[in-house]
PDB file of N, CA and C in Angstrom:
ATOM      1  N   MET A   1      98.446 106.745 112.632  1.00  0.00           N
ATOM      2  CA  MET A   1      98.558 107.655 111.517  1.00  0.00           C
ATOM      3  C   MET A   1      99.666 108.651 111.826  1.00  0.00           C
ATOM      4  N   THR A   2     100.501 108.931 110.839  1.00  0.00           N
ATOM      5  CA  THR A   2     101.585 109.892 110.969  1.00  0.00           C
ATOM      6  C   THR A   2     101.515 110.876 109.814  1.00  0.00           C
ATOM      7  N   LEU A   3     101.522 112.194 110.110  1.00  0.00           N
ATOM      8  CA  LEU A   3     101.583 113.208 109.069  1.00  0.00           C
ATOM      9  C   LEU A   3     103.034 113.615 108.909  1.00  0.00           C
ATOM     10  N   THR A   4     103.513 113.656 107.663  1.00  0.00           N
ATOM     11  CA  THR A   4     104.931 113.912 107.429  1.00  0.00           C
ATOM     12  C   THR A   4     105.210 115.332 106.954  1.00  0.00           C
ATOM     13  N   ASP A   5     104.240 116.238 107.064  1.00  0.00           N
ATOM     14  CA  ASP A   5     104.414 117.623 106.639  1.00  0.00           C
ATOM     15  C   ASP A   5     103.978 118.517 107.784  1.00  0.00           C
ATOM     16  N   GLY A   6     104.863 119.364 108.283  1.00  0.00           N
ATOM     17  CA  GLY A   6     104.558 120.208 109.427  1.00  0.00           C
ATOM     18  C   GLY A   6     103.659 121.377 109.130  1.00  0.00           C
ATOM     19  N   SER A   7     103.264 121.610 107.877  1.00  0.00           N
ATOM     20  CA  SER A   7     102.472 122.777 107.527  1.00  0.00           C
ATOM     21  C   SER A   7     101.034 122.704 108.026  1.00  0.00           C
ATOM     22  N   ALA A   8     100.608 121.574 108.567  1.00  0.00           N
ATOM     23  CA  ALA A   8      99.225 121.429 109.013  1.00  0.00           C
ATOM     24  C   ALA A   8      98.869 122.438 110.098  1.00  0.00           C
ATOM     25  N   GLY A   9      99.843 123.022 110.791  1.00  0.00           N
ATOM     26  CA  GLY A   9      99.589 123.980 111.850  1.00  0.00           C
ATOM     27  C   GLY A   9      99.036 125.301 111.372  1.00  0.00           C
ATOM     28  N   GLU A  10      99.115 125.619 110.082  1.00  0.00           N
ATOM     29  CA  GLU A  10      98.621 126.888 109.567  1.00  0.00           C
ATOM     30  C   GLU A  10      97.108 126.892 109.361  1.00  0.00           C
ATOM     31  N   TRP A  11      96.452 125.745 109.422  1.00  0.00           N
ATOM     32  CA  TRP A  11      95.006 125.658 109.221  1.00  0.00           C
ATOM     33  C   TRP A  11      94.267 126.359 110.352  1.00  0.00           C
ATOM     34  N   LEU A  12      93.256 127.160 110.007  1.00  0.00           N
ATOM     35  CA  LEU A  12      92.369 127.767 110.993  1.00  0.00           C
ATOM     36  C   LEU A  12      91.140 126.912 111.227  1.00  0.00           C
ATOM     37  N   ASP A  13      90.573 126.422 110.132  1.00  0.00           N
ATOM     38  CA  ASP A  13      89.311 125.696 110.207  1.00  0.00           C
ATOM     39  C   ASP A  13      89.271 124.654 109.093  1.00  0.00           C
ATOM     40  N   ILE A  14      88.891 123.442 109.438  1.00  0.00           N
ATOM     41  CA  ILE A  14      88.707 122.389 108.444  1.00  0.00           C
ATOM     42  C   ILE A  14      87.218 122.364 108.102  1.00  0.00           C
ATOM     43  N   HIS A  15      86.883 122.613 106.831  1.00  0.00           N
ATOM     44  CA  HIS A  15      85.483 122.653 106.405  1.00  0.00           C
ATOM     45  C   HIS A  15      84.956 121.276 106.028  1.00  0.00           C
ATOM     46  N   ALA A  16      85.788 120.471 105.388  1.00  0.00           N
ATOM     47  CA  ALA A  16      85.330 119.159 104.941  1.00  0.00           C
ATOM     48  C   ALA A  16      86.532 118.249 104.709  1.00  0.00           C
ATOM     49  N   GLY A  17      86.268 116.988 104.785  1.00  0.00           N
ATOM     50  CA  GLY A  17      87.275 115.987 104.472  1.00  0.00           C
ATOM     51  C   GLY A  17      86.583 114.753 103.924  1.00  0.00           C
ATOM     52  N   THR A  18      87.241 114.068 103.043  1.00  0.00           N
ATOM     53  CA  THR A  18      86.677 112.838 102.512  1.00  0.00           C
ATOM     54  C   THR A  18      87.796 111.835 102.240  1.00  0.00           C
ATOM     55  N   TRP A  19      87.477 110.570 102.380  1.00  0.00           N
ATOM     56  CA  TRP A  19      88.435 109.487 102.199  1.00  0.00           C
ATOM     57  C   TRP A  19      88.199 108.794 100.876  1.00  0.00           C
ATOM     58  N   ALA A  20      89.251 108.450 100.164  1.00  0.00           N
ATOM     59  CA  ALA A  20      89.187 107.674  98.922  1.00  0.00           C
ATOM     60  C   ALA A  20      90.587 107.151  98.626  1.00  0.00           C
ATOM     61  N   ASP A  21      90.679 106.160  97.778  1.00  0.00           N
ATOM     62  CA  ASP A  21      91.985 105.614  97.387  1.00  0.00           C
ATOM     63  C   ASP A  21      92.463 106.354  96.142  1.00  0.00           C
ATOM     64  N   TYR A  22      93.019 107.546  96.326  1.00  0.00           N
ATOM     65  CA  TYR A  22      93.426 108.448  95.250  1.00  0.00           C
ATOM     66  C   TYR A  22      94.428 107.800  94.292  1.00  0.00           C
ATOM     67  N   ASP A  23      95.411 107.077  94.829  1.00  0.00           N
ATOM     68  CA  ASP A  23      96.485 106.523  93.999  1.00  0.00           C
ATOM     69  C   ASP A  23      96.337 105.027  93.712  1.00  0.00           C
ATOM     70  N   SER A  24      95.172 104.463  94.035  1.00  0.00           N
ATOM     71  CA  SER A  24      94.841 103.052  93.729  1.00  0.00           C
ATOM     72  C   SER A  24      95.859 102.052  94.257  1.00  0.00           C
ATOM     73  N   ASP A  25      96.387 102.308  95.468  1.00  0.00           N
ATOM     74  CA  ASP A  25      97.360 101.373  96.049  1.00  0.00           C
ATOM     75  C   ASP A  25      96.760 100.508  97.156  1.00  0.00           C
ATOM     76  N   GLY A  26      95.445 100.658  97.405  1.00  0.00           N
ATOM     77  CA  GLY A  26      94.789  99.871  98.442  1.00  0.00           C
ATOM     78  C   GLY A  26      94.732 100.572  99.789  1.00  0.00           C
ATOM     79  N   ASP A  27      95.465 101.678  99.975  1.00  0.00           N
ATOM     80  CA  ASP A  27      95.417 102.476 101.207  1.00  0.00           C
ATOM     81  C   ASP A  27      94.471 103.654 100.985  1.00  0.00           C
ATOM     82  N   VAL A  28      93.626 103.944 101.968  1.00  0.00           N
ATOM     83  CA  VAL A  28      92.665 105.038 101.840  1.00  0.00           C
ATOM     84  C   VAL A  28      93.363 106.373 102.104  1.00  0.00           C
ATOM     85  N   ASP A  29      93.287 107.287 101.136  1.00  0.00           N
ATOM     86  CA  ASP A  29      93.892 108.618 101.205  1.00  0.00           C
ATOM     87  C   ASP A  29      92.818 109.615 101.641  1.00  0.00           C
ATOM     88  N   VAL A  30      93.189 110.874 101.867  1.00  0.00           N
ATOM     89  CA  VAL A  30      92.221 111.857 102.348  1.00  0.00           C
ATOM     90  C   VAL A  30      92.368 113.184 101.592  1.00  0.00           C
ATOM     91  N   LEU A  31      91.234 113.825 101.320  1.00  0.00           N
ATOM     92  CA  LEU A  31      91.173 115.181 100.776  1.00  0.00           C
ATOM     93  C   LEU A  31      90.616 116.060 101.888  1.00  0.00           C
ATOM     94  N   VAL A  32      91.307 117.154 102.195  1.00  0.00           N
ATOM     95  CA  VAL A  32      90.890 118.078 103.246  1.00  0.00           C
ATOM     96  C   VAL A  32      90.737 119.466 102.636  1.00  0.00           C
ATOM     97  N   THR A  33      89.677 120.180 103.018  1.00  0.00           N
ATOM     98  CA  THR A  33      89.475 121.550 102.563  1.00  0.00           C
ATOM     99  C   THR A  33      89.148 122.432 103.760  1.00  0.00           C
ATOM    100  N   GLY A  34      89.638 123.670 103.728  1.00  0.00           N
ATOM    101  CA  GLY A  34      89.399 124.561 104.850  1.00  0.00           C
ATOM    102  C   GLY A  34      90.011 125.929 104.635  1.00  0.00           C
ATOM    103  N   SER A  35      90.193 126.643 105.746  1.00  0.00           N
ATOM    104  CA  SER A  35      90.729 128.006 105.719  1.00  0.00           C
ATOM    105  C   SER A  35      92.075 128.055 106.416  1.00  0.00           C
ATOM    106  N   PHE A  36      92.942 128.988 105.965  1.00  0.00           N
ATOM    107  CA  PHE A  36      94.235 129.196 106.605  1.00  0.00           C
ATOM    108  C   PHE A  36      94.596 130.669 106.522  1.00  0.00           C
ATOM    109  N   VAL A  37      95.586 131.071 107.287  1.00  0.00           N
ATOM    110  CA  VAL A  37      96.049 132.451 107.277  1.00  0.00           C
ATOM    111  C   VAL A  37      97.031 132.615 106.126  1.00  0.00           C
ATOM    112  N   GLY A  38      96.651 133.441 105.126  1.00  0.00           N
ATOM    113  CA  GLY A  38      97.520 133.726 103.996  1.00  0.00           C
ATOM    114  C   GLY A  38      98.425 134.908 104.308  1.00  0.00           C
ATOM    115  N   ALA A  39      99.085 135.425 103.294  1.00  0.00           N
ATOM    116  CA  ALA A  39     100.007 136.549 103.469  1.00  0.00           C
ATOM    117  C   ALA A  39      99.293 137.793 103.983  1.00  0.00           C
ATOM    118  N   THR A  40      98.076 138.045 103.481  1.00  0.00           N
ATOM    119  CA  THR A  40      97.344 139.249 103.898  1.00  0.00           C
ATOM    120  C   THR A  40      95.910 138.973 104.318  1.00  0.00           C
ATOM    121  N   ASP A  41      95.365 137.824 103.969  1.00  0.00           N
ATOM    122  CA  ASP A  41      93.963 137.501 104.255  1.00  0.00           C
ATOM    123  C   ASP A  41      93.824 136.057 104.691  1.00  0.00           C
ATOM    124  N   ILE A  42      92.641 135.730 105.180  1.00  0.00           N
ATOM    125  CA  ILE A  42      92.292 134.336 105.403  1.00  0.00           C
ATOM    126  C   ILE A  42      91.883 133.768 104.049  1.00  0.00           C
ATOM    127  N   GLU A  43      92.463 132.660 103.671  1.00  0.00           N
ATOM    128  CA  GLU A  43      92.249 132.073 102.350  1.00  0.00           C
ATOM    129  C   GLU A  43      91.755 130.641 102.491  1.00  0.00           C
ATOM    130  N   GLY A  44      91.172 130.128 101.418  1.00  0.00           N
ATOM    131  CA  GLY A  44      90.734 128.743 101.384  1.00  0.00           C
ATOM    132  C   GLY A  44      91.722 127.888 100.617  1.00  0.00           C
ATOM    133  N   LYS A  45      91.765 126.621 100.949  1.00  0.00           N
ATOM    134  CA  LYS A  45      92.615 125.699 100.194  1.00  0.00           C
ATOM    135  C   LYS A  45      92.118 124.279 100.383  1.00  0.00           C
ATOM    136  N   SER A  46      92.567 123.413  99.494  1.00  0.00           N
ATOM    137  CA  SER A  46      92.282 121.980  99.564  1.00  0.00           C
ATOM    138  C   SER A  46      93.587 121.233  99.378  1.00  0.00           C
ATOM    139  N   GLU A  47      93.734 120.142 100.107  1.00  0.00           N
ATOM    140  CA  GLU A  47      94.954 119.338 100.013  1.00  0.00           C
ATOM    141  C   GLU A  47      94.605 117.861  99.941  1.00  0.00           C
ATOM    142  N   VAL A  48      95.372 117.115  99.165  1.00  0.00           N
ATOM    143  CA  VAL A  48      95.275 115.661  99.123  1.00  0.00           C
ATOM    144  C   VAL A  48      96.446 115.102  99.926  1.00  0.00           C
ATOM    145  N   TRP A  49      96.128 114.225 100.882  1.00  0.00           N
ATOM    146  CA  TRP A  49      97.147 113.547 101.687  1.00  0.00           C
ATOM    147  C   TRP A  49      97.119 112.075 101.309  1.00  0.00           C
ATOM    148  N   VAL A  50      98.247 111.552 100.816  1.00  0.00           N
ATOM    149  CA  VAL A  50      98.354 110.167 100.359  1.00  0.00           C
ATOM    150  C   VAL A  50      98.821 109.286 101.518  1.00  0.00           C
ATOM    151  N   ASN A  51      98.130 108.175 101.703  1.00  0.00           N
ATOM    152  CA  ASN A  51      98.423 107.216 102.759  1.00  0.00           C
ATOM    153  C   ASN A  51      99.330 106.128 102.205  1.00  0.00           C
ATOM    154  N   ASP A  52     100.485 105.968 102.805  1.00  0.00           N
ATOM    155  CA  ASP A  52     101.397 104.888 102.434  1.00  0.00           C
ATOM    156  C   ASP A  52     101.636 104.030 103.666  1.00  0.00           C
ATOM    157  N   GLY A  53     100.751 103.085 103.893  1.00  0.00           N
ATOM    158  CA  GLY A  53     100.881 102.182 105.038  1.00  0.00           C
ATOM    159  C   GLY A  53     100.702 102.866 106.380  1.00  0.00           C
ATOM    160  N   GLY A  54      99.886 103.911 106.445  1.00  0.00           N
ATOM    161  CA  GLY A  54      99.624 104.607 107.707  1.00  0.00           C
ATOM    162  C   GLY A  54     100.368 105.916 107.850  1.00  0.00           C
ATOM    163  N   THR A  55     101.274 106.231 106.929  1.00  0.00           N
ATOM    164  CA  THR A  55     101.978 107.507 106.932  1.00  0.00           C
ATOM    165  C   THR A  55     101.380 108.374 105.831  1.00  0.00           C
ATOM    166  N   PHE A  56     100.856 109.558 106.214  1.00  0.00           N
ATOM    167  CA  PHE A  56     100.219 110.455 105.263  1.00  0.00           C
ATOM    168  C   PHE A  56     101.197 111.542 104.842  1.00  0.00           C
ATOM    169  N   THR A  57     101.301 111.741 103.522  1.00  0.00           N
ATOM    170  CA  THR A  57     102.174 112.760 102.952  1.00  0.00           C
ATOM    171  C   THR A  57     101.334 113.655 102.041  1.00  0.00           C
ATOM    172  N   ARG A  58     101.486 114.964 102.223  1.00  0.00           N
ATOM    173  CA  ARG A  58     100.729 115.918 101.412  1.00  0.00           C
ATOM    174  C   ARG A  58     101.275 115.946  99.997  1.00  0.00           C
ATOM    175  N   LEU A  59     100.369 115.861  99.014  1.00  0.00           N
ATOM    176  CA  LEU A  59     100.769 116.003  97.606  1.00  0.00           C
ATOM    177  C   LEU A  59     100.918 117.479  97.285  1.00  0.00           C
ATOM    178  N   SER A  60     101.780 117.788  96.351  1.00  0.00           N
ATOM    179  CA  SER A  60     102.005 119.190  95.973  1.00  0.00           C
ATOM    180  C   SER A  60     101.098 119.576  94.809  1.00  0.00           C
ATOM    181  N   LEU A  61      99.809 119.276  94.951  1.00  0.00           N
ATOM    182  CA  LEU A  61      98.813 119.657  93.947  1.00  0.00           C
ATOM    183  C   LEU A  61      98.277 121.042  94.260  1.00  0.00           C
ATOM    184  N   VAL A  62      97.970 121.825  93.234  1.00  0.00           N
ATOM    185  CA  VAL A  62      97.301 123.103  93.424  1.00  0.00           C
ATOM    186  C   VAL A  62      95.832 122.889  93.130  1.00  0.00           C
ATOM    187  N   LEU A  63      95.014 122.943  94.165  1.00  0.00           N
ATOM    188  CA  LEU A  63      93.582 122.750  94.029  1.00  0.00           C
ATOM    189  C   LEU A  63      92.848 124.033  94.386  1.00  0.00           C
ATOM    190  N   PRO A  64      91.705 124.289  93.747  1.00  0.00           N
ATOM    191  CA  PRO A  64      90.945 125.512  94.079  1.00  0.00           C
ATOM    192  C   PRO A  64      90.340 125.443  95.468  1.00  0.00           C
TER     193      PRO A  64
END
């Protein structure tokens, strides 16, 4: 597995993750939710990482 976005280092805590084929291409993608250090506070966020043959790329979706 290869992550192609260096922003993963800002995460403080991963609360949950789940696998599903988000883009229906036959590769299992992942949704991750957790906490990170924001501009002034610790904030929560969720990200979808799309799997393309073993390389995961973060989608630029805004999720609550």
